Amino acid sequence: MNKNIKLIINYFLGPLLFIFLSWSLYKQIIHQPDLPERWNQIKSSWQSGLFWIVFLLMFVNWGIESRKWQLQVAPLEKLDFLTAVKSVLSGCSITMLTPNRIGEYGGRIMYIKEENRLKAISLTILGSISQLAITLIIGTLGLLYLKYVVHAGDVKKEEAWFLHNLILYVSIAVTVILLFIYFRLHVFIQLVSRISFLKSFVKHIEVVDVFSCKQLLRILFLSFFRYMVFILQYMLLLRVMEVNIPVMLSFCLLALFYLVMVIAPTIGFTELPVRATASAAILGLYSDNLLGMQAATFGIWLINLVVPAIMGSVFILGIKIMKER
């Protein structure tokens, strides 16, 4: 490619993305309903040690994801941990602008060599499958707990049982399918290779078939630990916001919440309203502290998505998307 064109891509696109991402994040925040009330409650929570534990857990969360990304791309190239962190946060930044976070793929591969980028996308999807599988497994267990242990014939809860059962059976079916694909990747690749118009893509996804069962389990366990960090953060912040729900019940309700969030279609600026609505509908069955739920949802969104997205946009600012020759 012409060197001048590469210079434009390397030194113009990065700053342009940074400006656009920063503006987008700003607009997403200021247009949230009840922003002053939520923000005041979050500011009052800063005096709590639990709040700062939640904030520090953000680094644990993205550290686990960065380590997982290192393992995922290992068949293509070796990334040091710092580069993996930059790659993951850059993906987090771009994903704020795309439906259901699909922009994460484009952000991460910026740190991968050009010749490996298409193959890296399939490896990113592998990691997403592992995280989705964990969310479905624990969400399904949470649903079972709510159905067979917690339910006591409350009319208010009875009205939701049809939807509850529908989500439960769909989750079980999808979980089984996902785990089969995850641990039998060679079968999936063989099926894809038999579809004529997809044959040309097989060479880009074959790389996922190099993982042993042990390596796949390691990635799955990292996804599990990251999921538990998500749950712990939310439970602690609910406690800070005085949403007092028993620990086990809170865990199961949050498992259901994250299950709903992977099903619900969202794009960056709509994700927080969807999160707020889902949390109020689910947690509201066992608590009347609506403002506390909304503030906790807003706080988790800021800590786990907005702050990393801001850091990622700074990394994008200085990145060279294409190598100069």
C-alpha atoms as a PDB file:
ATOM      1  CA  MET A   1       0.000   0.000   0.000  1.00  0.00           C
ATOM      2  CA  ASN A   2       1.172   3.558  -0.735  1.00  0.00           C
ATOM      3  CA  LYS A   3       3.276   4.875   2.144  1.00  0.00           C
ATOM      4  CA  ASN A   4       1.379   8.175   2.302  1.00  0.00           C
ATOM      5  CA  ILE A   5      -1.896   6.315   2.714  1.00  0.00           C
ATOM      6  CA  LYS A   6      -0.396   4.291   5.572  1.00  0.00           C
ATOM      7  CA  LEU A   7       0.823   7.466   7.250  1.00  0.00           C
ATOM      8  CA  ILE A   8      -2.690   8.882   7.090  1.00  0.00           C
ATOM      9  CA  ILE A   9      -4.142   5.678   8.574  1.00  0.00           C
ATOM     10  CA  ASN A  10      -1.515   5.467  11.311  1.00  0.00           C
ATOM     11  CA  TYR A  11      -1.433   9.089  12.436  1.00  0.00           C
ATOM     12  CA  PHE A  12      -4.908  10.361  11.573  1.00  0.00           C
ATOM     13  CA  LEU A  13      -7.236   7.436  12.254  1.00  0.00           C
ATOM     14  CA  GLY A  14      -5.950   6.882  15.823  1.00  0.00           C
ATOM     15  CA  PRO A  15      -6.561  10.482  17.007  1.00  0.00           C
ATOM     16  CA  LEU A  16      -9.873  10.564  15.117  1.00  0.00           C
ATOM     17  CA  LEU A  17     -11.031   7.383  16.873  1.00  0.00           C
ATOM     18  CA  PHE A  18      -9.940   8.822  20.222  1.00  0.00           C
ATOM     19  CA  ILE A  19     -11.970  12.013  19.687  1.00  0.00           C
ATOM     20  CA  PHE A  20     -15.021  10.123  18.449  1.00  0.00           C
ATOM     21  CA  LEU A  21     -14.900   7.575  21.293  1.00  0.00           C
ATOM     22  CA  SER A  22     -14.446  10.298  23.924  1.00  0.00           C
ATOM     23  CA  TRP A  23     -17.395  12.270  22.532  1.00  0.00           C
ATOM     24  CA  SER A  24     -19.541   9.138  22.371  1.00  0.00           C
ATOM     25  CA  LEU A  25     -18.797   8.186  25.987  1.00  0.00           C
ATOM     26  CA  TYR A  26     -19.565  11.735  27.132  1.00  0.00           C
ATOM     27  CA  LYS A  27     -22.924  11.739  25.315  1.00  0.00           C
ATOM     28  CA  GLN A  28     -23.806   8.313  26.703  1.00  0.00           C
ATOM     29  CA  ILE A  29     -23.218   9.476  30.268  1.00  0.00           C
ATOM     30  CA  ILE A  30     -24.950  12.872  30.209  1.00  0.00           C
ATOM     31  CA  HIS A  31     -28.096  11.513  28.541  1.00  0.00           C
ATOM     32  CA  GLN A  32     -28.782   8.895  31.191  1.00  0.00           C
ATOM     33  CA  PRO A  33     -32.087   9.351  33.069  1.00  0.00           C
ATOM     34  CA  ASP A  34     -31.877  10.374  36.736  1.00  0.00           C
ATOM     35  CA  LEU A  35     -28.148  11.032  36.299  1.00  0.00           C
ATOM     36  CA  PRO A  36     -27.859  13.622  39.147  1.00  0.00           C
ATOM     37  CA  GLU A  37     -29.520  11.325  41.692  1.00  0.00           C
ATOM     38  CA  ARG A  38     -27.453   8.303  40.671  1.00  0.00           C
ATOM     39  CA  TRP A  39     -24.248  10.317  40.615  1.00  0.00           C
ATOM     40  CA  ASN A  40     -24.916  11.810  44.080  1.00  0.00           C
ATOM     41  CA  GLN A  41     -25.464   8.353  45.542  1.00  0.00           C
ATOM     42  CA  ILE A  42     -22.284   7.057  43.917  1.00  0.00           C
ATOM     43  CA  LYS A  43     -20.311  10.040  45.271  1.00  0.00           C
ATOM     44  CA  SER A  44     -21.635   9.364  48.763  1.00  0.00           C
ATOM     45  CA  SER A  45     -20.460   5.749  48.415  1.00  0.00           C
ATOM     46  CA  TRP A  46     -16.832   6.837  47.867  1.00  0.00           C
ATOM     47  CA  GLN A  47     -16.396   6.980  51.635  1.00  0.00           C
ATOM     48  CA  SER A  48     -17.016   3.242  51.813  1.00  0.00           C
ATOM     49  CA  GLY A  49     -14.072   0.861  51.633  1.00  0.00           C
ATOM     50  CA  LEU A  50     -16.270  -1.585  49.729  1.00  0.00           C
ATOM     51  CA  PHE A  51     -16.582   0.897  46.869  1.00  0.00           C
ATOM     52  CA  TRP A  52     -12.815   1.013  46.425  1.00  0.00           C
ATOM     53  CA  ILE A  53     -12.624  -2.771  46.560  1.00  0.00           C
ATOM     54  CA  VAL A  54     -15.111  -2.819  43.665  1.00  0.00           C
ATOM     55  CA  PHE A  55     -12.942  -0.302  41.799  1.00  0.00           C
ATOM     56  CA  LEU A  56      -9.745  -2.303  42.376  1.00  0.00           C
ATOM     57  CA  LEU A  57     -11.494  -5.472  41.223  1.00  0.00           C
ATOM     58  CA  MET A  58     -11.801  -3.784  37.826  1.00  0.00           C
ATOM     59  CA  PHE A  59      -8.044  -4.281  37.392  1.00  0.00           C
ATOM     60  CA  VAL A  60      -8.402  -7.935  38.428  1.00  0.00           C
ATOM     61  CA  ASN A  61     -11.211  -8.326  35.908  1.00  0.00           C
ATOM     62  CA  TRP A  62      -9.273  -6.920  32.946  1.00  0.00           C
ATOM     63  CA  GLY A  63      -6.067  -8.595  34.128  1.00  0.00           C
ATOM     64  CA  ILE A  64      -7.762 -11.991  33.912  1.00  0.00           C
ATOM     65  CA  GLU A  65      -9.152 -11.133  30.477  1.00  0.00           C
ATOM     66  CA  SER A  66      -5.703 -10.020  29.303  1.00  0.00           C
ATOM     67  CA  ARG A  67      -4.139 -13.271  30.489  1.00  0.00           C
ATOM     68  CA  LYS A  68      -6.895 -15.178  28.711  1.00  0.00           C
ATOM     69  CA  TRP A  69      -6.203 -13.205  25.530  1.00  0.00           C
ATOM     70  CA  GLN A  70      -2.517 -14.111  25.797  1.00  0.00           C
ATOM     71  CA  LEU A  71      -3.453 -17.790  25.855  1.00  0.00           C
ATOM     72  CA  GLN A  72      -5.907 -17.403  22.993  1.00  0.00           C
ATOM     73  CA  VAL A  73      -3.454 -15.780  20.560  1.00  0.00           C
ATOM     74  CA  ALA A  74      -0.480 -17.945  21.583  1.00  0.00           C
ATOM     75  CA  PRO A  75      -0.823 -20.183  18.476  1.00  0.00           C
ATOM     76  CA  LEU A  76      -0.311 -17.076  16.291  1.00  0.00           C
ATOM     77  CA  GLU A  77       2.173 -14.965  18.218  1.00  0.00           C
ATOM     78  CA  LYS A  78       3.455 -14.267  21.696  1.00  0.00           C
ATOM     79  CA  LEU A  79       2.073 -11.159  23.371  1.00  0.00           C
ATOM     80  CA  ASP A  80       3.627  -9.766  26.514  1.00  0.00           C
ATOM     81  CA  PHE A  81       1.146  -9.016  29.279  1.00  0.00           C
ATOM     82  CA  LEU A  82       1.226  -5.220  28.843  1.00  0.00           C
ATOM     83  CA  THR A  83       0.501  -5.513  25.120  1.00  0.00           C
ATOM     84  CA  ALA A  84      -2.324  -7.932  25.898  1.00  0.00           C
ATOM     85  CA  VAL A  85      -3.794  -5.373  28.334  1.00  0.00           C
ATOM     86  CA  LYS A  86      -3.602  -2.620  25.710  1.00  0.00           C
ATOM     87  CA  SER A  87      -5.213  -4.902  23.151  1.00  0.00           C
ATOM     88  CA  VAL A  88      -8.078  -5.862  25.455  1.00  0.00           C
ATOM     89  CA  LEU A  89      -8.766  -2.269  26.558  1.00  0.00           C
ATOM     90  CA  SER A  90      -8.662  -1.034  22.960  1.00  0.00           C
ATOM     91  CA  GLY A  91     -11.301  -3.631  22.163  1.00  0.00           C
ATOM     92  CA  CYS A  92     -13.329  -2.459  25.152  1.00  0.00           C
ATOM     93  CA  SER A  93     -13.177   1.101  23.821  1.00  0.00           C
ATOM     94  CA  ILE A  94     -14.438   0.339  20.332  1.00  0.00           C
ATOM     95  CA  THR A  95     -17.058  -2.095  21.580  1.00  0.00           C
ATOM     96  CA  MET A  96     -18.940   0.790  23.211  1.00  0.00           C
ATOM     97  CA  LEU A  97     -19.985   1.887  19.715  1.00  0.00           C
ATOM     98  CA  THR A  98     -21.151  -1.460  18.341  1.00  0.00           C
ATOM     99  CA  PRO A  99     -24.131  -3.824  18.829  1.00  0.00           C
ATOM    100  CA  ASN A 100     -23.600  -6.484  21.502  1.00  0.00           C
ATOM    101  CA  ARG A 101     -19.893  -5.565  21.720  1.00  0.00           C
ATOM    102  CA  ILE A 102     -18.857  -7.024  18.379  1.00  0.00           C
ATOM    103  CA  GLY A 103     -16.432  -4.125  17.953  1.00  0.00           C
ATOM    104  CA  GLU A 104     -14.235  -5.826  20.538  1.00  0.00           C
ATOM    105  CA  TYR A 105     -12.771  -7.986  17.775  1.00  0.00           C
ATOM    106  CA  GLY A 106     -11.669  -5.019  15.683  1.00  0.00           C
ATOM    107  CA  GLY A 107     -10.086  -3.287  18.666  1.00  0.00           C
ATOM    108  CA  ARG A 108      -8.071  -6.265  19.809  1.00  0.00           C
ATOM    109  CA  ILE A 109      -6.570  -7.208  16.461  1.00  0.00           C
ATOM    110  CA  MET A 110      -4.953  -3.777  16.129  1.00  0.00           C
ATOM    111  CA  TYR A 111      -2.120  -5.175  18.248  1.00  0.00           C
ATOM    112  CA  ILE A 112      -1.779  -8.318  16.136  1.00  0.00           C
ATOM    113  CA  LYS A 113       0.493  -8.555  13.096  1.00  0.00           C
ATOM    114  CA  GLU A 114      -1.319  -7.751   9.877  1.00  0.00           C
ATOM    115  CA  GLU A 115      -0.933 -11.226   8.431  1.00  0.00           C
ATOM    116  CA  ASN A 116      -2.491 -12.784  11.545  1.00  0.00           C
ATOM    117  CA  ARG A 117      -5.446 -10.460  12.082  1.00  0.00           C
ATOM    118  CA  LEU A 118      -8.148 -12.491  10.347  1.00  0.00           C
ATOM    119  CA  LYS A 119      -7.091 -15.616  12.214  1.00  0.00           C
ATOM    120  CA  ALA A 120      -7.038 -13.639  15.472  1.00  0.00           C
ATOM    121  CA  ILE A 121     -10.723 -12.820  15.037  1.00  0.00           C
ATOM    122  CA  SER A 122     -11.596 -16.532  15.279  1.00  0.00           C
ATOM    123  CA  LEU A 123      -9.477 -16.762  18.448  1.00  0.00           C
ATOM    124  CA  THR A 124     -11.346 -13.784  19.904  1.00  0.00           C
ATOM    125  CA  ILE A 125     -14.616 -15.538  19.180  1.00  0.00           C
ATOM    126  CA  LEU A 126     -13.286 -18.645  20.963  1.00  0.00           C
ATOM    127  CA  GLY A 127     -12.750 -16.565  24.112  1.00  0.00           C
ATOM    128  CA  SER A 128     -16.222 -15.057  23.766  1.00  0.00           C
ATOM    129  CA  ILE A 129     -17.723 -18.540  23.531  1.00  0.00           C
ATOM    130  CA  SER A 130     -15.973 -19.563  26.753  1.00  0.00           C
ATOM    131  CA  GLN A 131     -17.272 -16.468  28.582  1.00  0.00           C
ATOM    132  CA  LEU A 132     -20.770 -16.947  27.185  1.00  0.00           C
ATOM    133  CA  ALA A 133     -20.772 -20.611  28.196  1.00  0.00           C
ATOM    134  CA  ILE A 134     -19.882 -19.718  31.796  1.00  0.00           C
ATOM    135  CA  THR A 135     -22.586 -17.037  31.864  1.00  0.00           C
ATOM    136  CA  LEU A 136     -25.149 -19.535  30.592  1.00  0.00           C
ATOM    137  CA  ILE A 137     -24.075 -22.338  32.944  1.00  0.00           C
ATOM    138  CA  ILE A 138     -24.160 -20.232  36.114  1.00  0.00           C
ATOM    139  CA  GLY A 139     -27.243 -18.330  34.957  1.00  0.00           C
ATOM    140  CA  THR A 140     -29.040 -21.633  34.431  1.00  0.00           C
ATOM    141  CA  LEU A 141     -27.989 -22.854  37.889  1.00  0.00           C
ATOM    142  CA  GLY A 142     -29.253 -19.563  39.323  1.00  0.00           C
ATOM    143  CA  LEU A 143     -32.596 -20.065  37.589  1.00  0.00           C
ATOM    144  CA  LEU A 144     -32.871 -23.588  38.979  1.00  0.00           C
ATOM    145  CA  TYR A 145     -32.113 -22.327  42.489  1.00  0.00           C
ATOM    146  CA  LEU A 146     -34.740 -19.597  42.194  1.00  0.00           C
ATOM    147  CA  LYS A 147     -37.309 -22.067  40.883  1.00  0.00           C
ATOM    148  CA  TYR A 148     -36.822 -24.985  43.271  1.00  0.00           C
ATOM    149  CA  VAL A 149     -35.385 -23.402  46.423  1.00  0.00           C
ATOM    150  CA  VAL A 150     -36.523 -19.782  46.701  1.00  0.00           C
ATOM    151  CA  HIS A 151     -39.973 -19.847  45.104  1.00  0.00           C
ATOM    152  CA  ALA A 152     -42.747 -19.939  47.675  1.00  0.00           C
ATOM    153  CA  GLY A 153     -45.891 -19.425  45.604  1.00  0.00           C
ATOM    154  CA  ASP A 154     -45.780 -15.639  45.583  1.00  0.00           C
ATOM    155  CA  VAL A 155     -48.321 -14.354  43.021  1.00  0.00           C
ATOM    156  CA  LYS A 156     -45.973 -11.601  41.901  1.00  0.00           C
ATOM    157  CA  LYS A 157     -43.364 -14.200  41.061  1.00  0.00           C
ATOM    158  CA  GLU A 158     -45.885 -16.628  39.547  1.00  0.00           C
ATOM    159  CA  GLU A 159     -46.609 -14.123  36.780  1.00  0.00           C
ATOM    160  CA  ALA A 160     -43.004 -14.435  35.591  1.00  0.00           C
ATOM    161  CA  TRP A 161     -42.742 -18.232  35.608  1.00  0.00           C
ATOM    162  CA  PHE A 162     -43.618 -18.751  31.942  1.00  0.00           C
ATOM    163  CA  LEU A 163     -40.781 -16.440  30.893  1.00  0.00           C
ATOM    164  CA  HIS A 164     -38.603 -18.027  33.591  1.00  0.00           C
ATOM    165  CA  ASN A 165     -39.128 -21.528  32.173  1.00  0.00           C
ATOM    166  CA  LEU A 166     -38.640 -20.360  28.599  1.00  0.00           C
ATOM    167  CA  ILE A 167     -35.294 -18.770  29.468  1.00  0.00           C
ATOM    168  CA  LEU A 168     -34.311 -21.849  31.467  1.00  0.00           C
ATOM    169  CA  TYR A 169     -34.921 -24.375  28.670  1.00  0.00           C
ATOM    170  CA  VAL A 170     -33.399 -22.169  25.981  1.00  0.00           C
ATOM    171  CA  SER A 171     -30.334 -21.595  28.198  1.00  0.00           C
ATOM    172  CA  ILE A 172     -29.842 -25.314  28.765  1.00  0.00           C
ATOM    173  CA  ALA A 173     -30.118 -26.046  25.037  1.00  0.00           C
ATOM    174  CA  VAL A 174     -27.751 -23.248  24.012  1.00  0.00           C
ATOM    175  CA  THR A 175     -25.253 -24.202  26.745  1.00  0.00           C
ATOM    176  CA  VAL A 176     -25.092 -27.804  25.516  1.00  0.00           C
ATOM    177  CA  ILE A 177     -24.581 -26.655  21.928  1.00  0.00           C
ATOM    178  CA  LEU A 178     -21.906 -24.122  22.897  1.00  0.00           C
ATOM    179  CA  LEU A 179     -19.940 -26.600  24.993  1.00  0.00           C
ATOM    180  CA  PHE A 180     -20.087 -29.157  22.188  1.00  0.00           C
ATOM    181  CA  ILE A 181     -18.715 -26.613  19.722  1.00  0.00           C
ATOM    182  CA  TYR A 182     -16.102 -25.417  22.236  1.00  0.00           C
ATOM    183  CA  PHE A 183     -14.672 -28.854  23.002  1.00  0.00           C
ATOM    184  CA  ARG A 184     -15.221 -30.318  19.507  1.00  0.00           C
ATOM    185  CA  LEU A 185     -13.878 -27.494  17.365  1.00  0.00           C
ATOM    186  CA  HIS A 186     -12.564 -29.888  14.722  1.00  0.00           C
ATOM    187  CA  VAL A 187     -16.110 -31.165  14.133  1.00  0.00           C
ATOM    188  CA  PHE A 188     -17.340 -27.599  13.719  1.00  0.00           C
ATOM    189  CA  ILE A 189     -14.537 -26.804  11.252  1.00  0.00           C
ATOM    190  CA  GLN A 190     -15.332 -29.928   9.233  1.00  0.00           C
ATOM    191  CA  LEU A 191     -18.977 -28.882   9.000  1.00  0.00           C
ATOM    192  CA  VAL A 192     -18.014 -25.385   7.863  1.00  0.00           C
ATOM    193  CA  SER A 193     -15.648 -26.798   5.224  1.00  0.00           C
ATOM    194  CA  ARG A 194     -18.561 -28.697   3.653  1.00  0.00           C
ATOM    195  CA  ILE A 195     -20.461 -25.480   2.982  1.00  0.00           C
ATOM    196  CA  SER A 196     -19.311 -24.326  -0.435  1.00  0.00           C
ATOM    197  CA  PHE A 197     -19.437 -20.551   0.067  1.00  0.00           C
ATOM    198  CA  LEU A 198     -17.630 -20.834   3.445  1.00  0.00           C
ATOM    199  CA  LYS A 199     -14.725 -22.991   2.274  1.00  0.00           C
ATOM    200  CA  SER A 200     -12.500 -19.970   1.681  1.00  0.00           C
ATOM    201  CA  PHE A 201     -12.880 -18.975   5.345  1.00  0.00           C
ATOM    202  CA  VAL A 202     -11.765 -22.322   6.756  1.00  0.00           C
ATOM    203  CA  LYS A 203      -8.059 -21.410   6.548  1.00  0.00           C
ATOM    204  CA  HIS A 204      -8.761 -18.453   8.862  1.00  0.00           C
ATOM    205  CA  ILE A 205     -10.512 -20.510  11.543  1.00  0.00           C
ATOM    206  CA  GLU A 206      -8.391 -23.671  11.481  1.00  0.00           C
ATOM    207  CA  VAL A 207      -6.086 -22.084  14.065  1.00  0.00           C
ATOM    208  CA  VAL A 208      -8.684 -22.673  16.807  1.00  0.00           C
ATOM    209  CA  ASP A 209      -8.284 -26.426  16.364  1.00  0.00           C
ATOM    210  CA  VAL A 210      -4.738 -26.430  17.785  1.00  0.00           C
ATOM    211  CA  PHE A 211      -5.872 -26.150  21.397  1.00  0.00           C
ATOM    212  CA  SER A 212      -5.762 -29.227  23.590  1.00  0.00           C
ATOM    213  CA  CYS A 213      -8.589 -30.034  25.991  1.00  0.00           C
ATOM    214  CA  LYS A 214      -6.356 -28.871  28.858  1.00  0.00           C
ATOM    215  CA  GLN A 215      -5.785 -25.486  27.196  1.00  0.00           C
ATOM    216  CA  LEU A 216      -9.476 -25.062  26.497  1.00  0.00           C
ATOM    217  CA  LEU A 217     -10.269 -25.848  30.126  1.00  0.00           C
ATOM    218  CA  ARG A 218      -7.698 -23.282  31.252  1.00  0.00           C
ATOM    219  CA  ILE A 219      -9.393 -20.606  29.135  1.00  0.00           C
ATOM    220  CA  LEU A 220     -12.779 -21.704  30.475  1.00  0.00           C
ATOM    221  CA  PHE A 221     -11.574 -21.481  34.085  1.00  0.00           C
ATOM    222  CA  LEU A 222     -10.219 -17.971  33.484  1.00  0.00           C
ATOM    223  CA  SER A 223     -13.653 -17.057  32.106  1.00  0.00           C
ATOM    224  CA  PHE A 224     -15.192 -18.500  35.278  1.00  0.00           C
ATOM    225  CA  PHE A 225     -12.907 -16.474  37.572  1.00  0.00           C
ATOM    226  CA  ARG A 226     -13.650 -13.316  35.585  1.00  0.00           C
ATOM    227  CA  TYR A 227     -17.374 -14.009  35.884  1.00  0.00           C
ATOM    228  CA  MET A 228     -17.034 -14.394  39.650  1.00  0.00           C
ATOM    229  CA  VAL A 229     -15.276 -11.021  39.803  1.00  0.00           C
ATOM    230  CA  PHE A 230     -18.256  -9.485  37.953  1.00  0.00           C
ATOM    231  CA  ILE A 231     -20.679 -11.004  40.449  1.00  0.00           C
ATOM    232  CA  LEU A 232     -18.593  -9.990  43.480  1.00  0.00           C
ATOM    233  CA  GLN A 233     -18.311  -6.398  42.250  1.00  0.00           C
ATOM    234  CA  TYR A 234     -22.057  -6.124  41.775  1.00  0.00           C
ATOM    235  CA  MET A 235     -22.874  -7.728  45.135  1.00  0.00           C
ATOM    236  CA  LEU A 236     -20.504  -5.395  46.969  1.00  0.00           C
ATOM    237  CA  LEU A 237     -21.855  -2.308  45.230  1.00  0.00           C
ATOM    238  CA  LEU A 238     -25.442  -3.340  45.984  1.00  0.00           C
ATOM    239  CA  ARG A 239     -24.397  -3.599  49.614  1.00  0.00           C
ATOM    240  CA  VAL A 240     -22.851  -0.117  49.471  1.00  0.00           C
ATOM    241  CA  MET A 241     -26.085   1.246  47.945  1.00  0.00           C
ATOM    242  CA  GLU A 242     -28.102  -0.419  50.741  1.00  0.00           C
ATOM    243  CA  VAL A 243     -29.894  -2.904  48.505  1.00  0.00           C
ATOM    244  CA  ASN A 244     -30.090  -5.551  51.195  1.00  0.00           C
ATOM    245  CA  ILE A 245     -30.752  -8.932  49.604  1.00  0.00           C
ATOM    246  CA  PRO A 246     -29.379 -12.163  51.182  1.00  0.00           C
ATOM    247  CA  VAL A 247     -26.037 -13.232  49.710  1.00  0.00           C
ATOM    248  CA  MET A 248     -27.099 -16.484  48.018  1.00  0.00           C
ATOM    249  CA  LEU A 249     -30.282 -14.962  46.648  1.00  0.00           C
ATOM    250  CA  SER A 250     -28.357 -11.917  45.421  1.00  0.00           C
ATOM    251  CA  PHE A 251     -25.855 -14.182  43.650  1.00  0.00           C
ATOM    252  CA  CYS A 252     -28.619 -16.075  41.834  1.00  0.00           C
ATOM    253  CA  LEU A 253     -30.474 -12.900  40.865  1.00  0.00           C
ATOM    254  CA  LEU A 254     -27.283 -11.417  39.439  1.00  0.00           C
ATOM    255  CA  ALA A 255     -26.597 -14.659  37.575  1.00  0.00           C
ATOM    256  CA  LEU A 256     -30.055 -14.265  36.034  1.00  0.00           C
ATOM    257  CA  PHE A 257     -29.319 -10.594  35.306  1.00  0.00           C
ATOM    258  CA  TYR A 258     -26.134 -11.414  33.369  1.00  0.00           C
ATOM    259  CA  LEU A 259     -27.982 -14.193  31.561  1.00  0.00           C
ATOM    260  CA  VAL A 260     -30.604 -11.681  30.423  1.00  0.00           C
ATOM    261  CA  MET A 261     -27.889  -9.230  29.358  1.00  0.00           C
ATOM    262  CA  VAL A 262     -26.269 -11.724  26.971  1.00  0.00           C
ATOM    263  CA  ILE A 263     -29.675 -12.323  25.383  1.00  0.00           C
ATOM    264  CA  ALA A 264     -30.794  -8.689  25.126  1.00  0.00           C
ATOM    265  CA  PRO A 265     -29.657  -6.860  21.966  1.00  0.00           C
ATOM    266  CA  THR A 266     -27.764  -3.679  22.881  1.00  0.00           C
ATOM    267  CA  ILE A 267     -25.511  -1.050  21.409  1.00  0.00           C
ATOM    268  CA  GLY A 268     -23.207   1.188  23.465  1.00  0.00           C
ATOM    269  CA  PHE A 269     -25.587   4.064  24.258  1.00  0.00           C
ATOM    270  CA  THR A 270     -28.563   1.740  24.922  1.00  0.00           C
ATOM    271  CA  GLU A 271     -26.733  -0.724  27.160  1.00  0.00           C
ATOM    272  CA  LEU A 272     -27.095   1.225  30.404  1.00  0.00           C
ATOM    273  CA  PRO A 273     -30.880   1.735  30.069  1.00  0.00           C
ATOM    274  CA  VAL A 274     -31.248  -1.975  29.273  1.00  0.00           C
ATOM    275  CA  ARG A 275     -29.078  -2.852  32.275  1.00  0.00           C
ATOM    276  CA  ALA A 276     -31.076  -0.516  34.521  1.00  0.00           C
ATOM    277  CA  THR A 277     -34.400  -1.943  33.356  1.00  0.00           C
ATOM    278  CA  ALA A 278     -33.256  -5.557  33.726  1.00  0.00           C
ATOM    279  CA  SER A 279     -31.743  -5.001  37.184  1.00  0.00           C
ATOM    280  CA  ALA A 280     -34.892  -3.228  38.419  1.00  0.00           C
ATOM    281  CA  ALA A 281     -37.123  -6.009  37.074  1.00  0.00           C
ATOM    282  CA  ILE A 282     -35.031  -8.805  38.607  1.00  0.00           C
ATOM    283  CA  LEU A 283     -33.724  -7.328  41.857  1.00  0.00           C
ATOM    284  CA  GLY A 284     -36.996  -5.459  42.359  1.00  0.00           C
ATOM    285  CA  LEU A 285     -38.686  -8.763  43.141  1.00  0.00           C
ATOM    286  CA  TYR A 286     -36.837  -8.803  46.471  1.00  0.00           C
ATOM    287  CA  SER A 287     -36.046  -5.155  47.245  1.00  0.00           C
ATOM    288  CA  ASP A 288     -37.854  -1.816  47.044  1.00  0.00           C
ATOM    289  CA  ASN A 289     -34.670   0.274  46.908  1.00  0.00           C
ATOM    290  CA  LEU A 290     -34.988   1.230  43.248  1.00  0.00           C
ATOM    291  CA  LEU A 291     -32.573   4.162  43.433  1.00  0.00           C
ATOM    292  CA  GLY A 292     -29.943   1.928  45.049  1.00  0.00           C
ATOM    293  CA  MET A 293     -30.310  -0.640  42.256  1.00  0.00           C
ATOM    294  CA  GLN A 294     -30.064   2.082  39.609  1.00  0.00           C
ATOM    295  CA  ALA A 295     -27.002   3.626  41.267  1.00  0.00           C
ATOM    296  CA  ALA A 296     -25.289   0.227  41.560  1.00  0.00           C
ATOM    297  CA  THR A 297     -26.007  -0.512  37.887  1.00  0.00           C
ATOM    298  CA  PHE A 298     -24.690   2.902  36.879  1.00  0.00           C
ATOM    299  CA  GLY A 299     -21.595   2.418  39.051  1.00  0.00           C
ATOM    300  CA  ILE A 300     -20.800  -1.004  37.585  1.00  0.00           C
ATOM    301  CA  TRP A 301     -21.250   0.390  34.076  1.00  0.00           C
ATOM    302  CA  LEU A 302     -18.869   3.263  34.820  1.00  0.00           C
ATOM    303  CA  ILE A 303     -16.232   1.113  36.527  1.00  0.00           C
ATOM    304  CA  ASN A 304     -16.260  -1.947  34.253  1.00  0.00           C
ATOM    305  CA  LEU A 305     -16.977  -0.345  30.884  1.00  0.00           C
ATOM    306  CA  VAL A 306     -16.532   3.435  30.779  1.00  0.00           C
ATOM    307  CA  VAL A 307     -13.231   3.682  32.677  1.00  0.00           C
ATOM    308  CA  PRO A 308     -11.599   0.836  30.663  1.00  0.00           C
ATOM    309  CA  ALA A 309     -13.023   2.338  27.444  1.00  0.00           C
ATOM    310  CA  ILE A 310     -11.399   5.684  28.258  1.00  0.00           C
ATOM    311  CA  MET A 311      -8.065   3.966  28.882  1.00  0.00           C
ATOM    312  CA  GLY A 312      -8.487   1.984  25.671  1.00  0.00           C
ATOM    313  CA  SER A 313      -9.196   5.131  23.658  1.00  0.00           C
ATOM    314  CA  VAL A 314      -5.921   6.597  24.933  1.00  0.00           C
ATOM    315  CA  PHE A 315      -4.083   3.491  23.695  1.00  0.00           C
ATOM    316  CA  ILE A 316      -5.825   3.796  20.343  1.00  0.00           C
ATOM    317  CA  LEU A 317      -4.638   7.401  20.138  1.00  0.00           C
ATOM    318  CA  GLY A 318      -1.043   6.278  19.787  1.00  0.00           C
ATOM    319  CA  ILE A 319      -1.450   3.028  17.929  1.00  0.00           C
ATOM    320  CA  LYS A 320      -0.067   2.388  14.447  1.00  0.00           C
ATOM    321  CA  ILE A 321      -2.766   0.315  12.828  1.00  0.00           C
ATOM    322  CA  MET A 322      -0.589  -0.613   9.871  1.00  0.00           C
ATOM    323  CA  LYS A 323       3.138  -1.128   9.721  1.00  0.00           C
ATOM    324  CA  GLU A 324       5.067   1.341   7.658  1.00  0.00           C
ATOM    325  CA  ARG A 325       7.280  -0.146   4.994  1.00  0.00           C
END
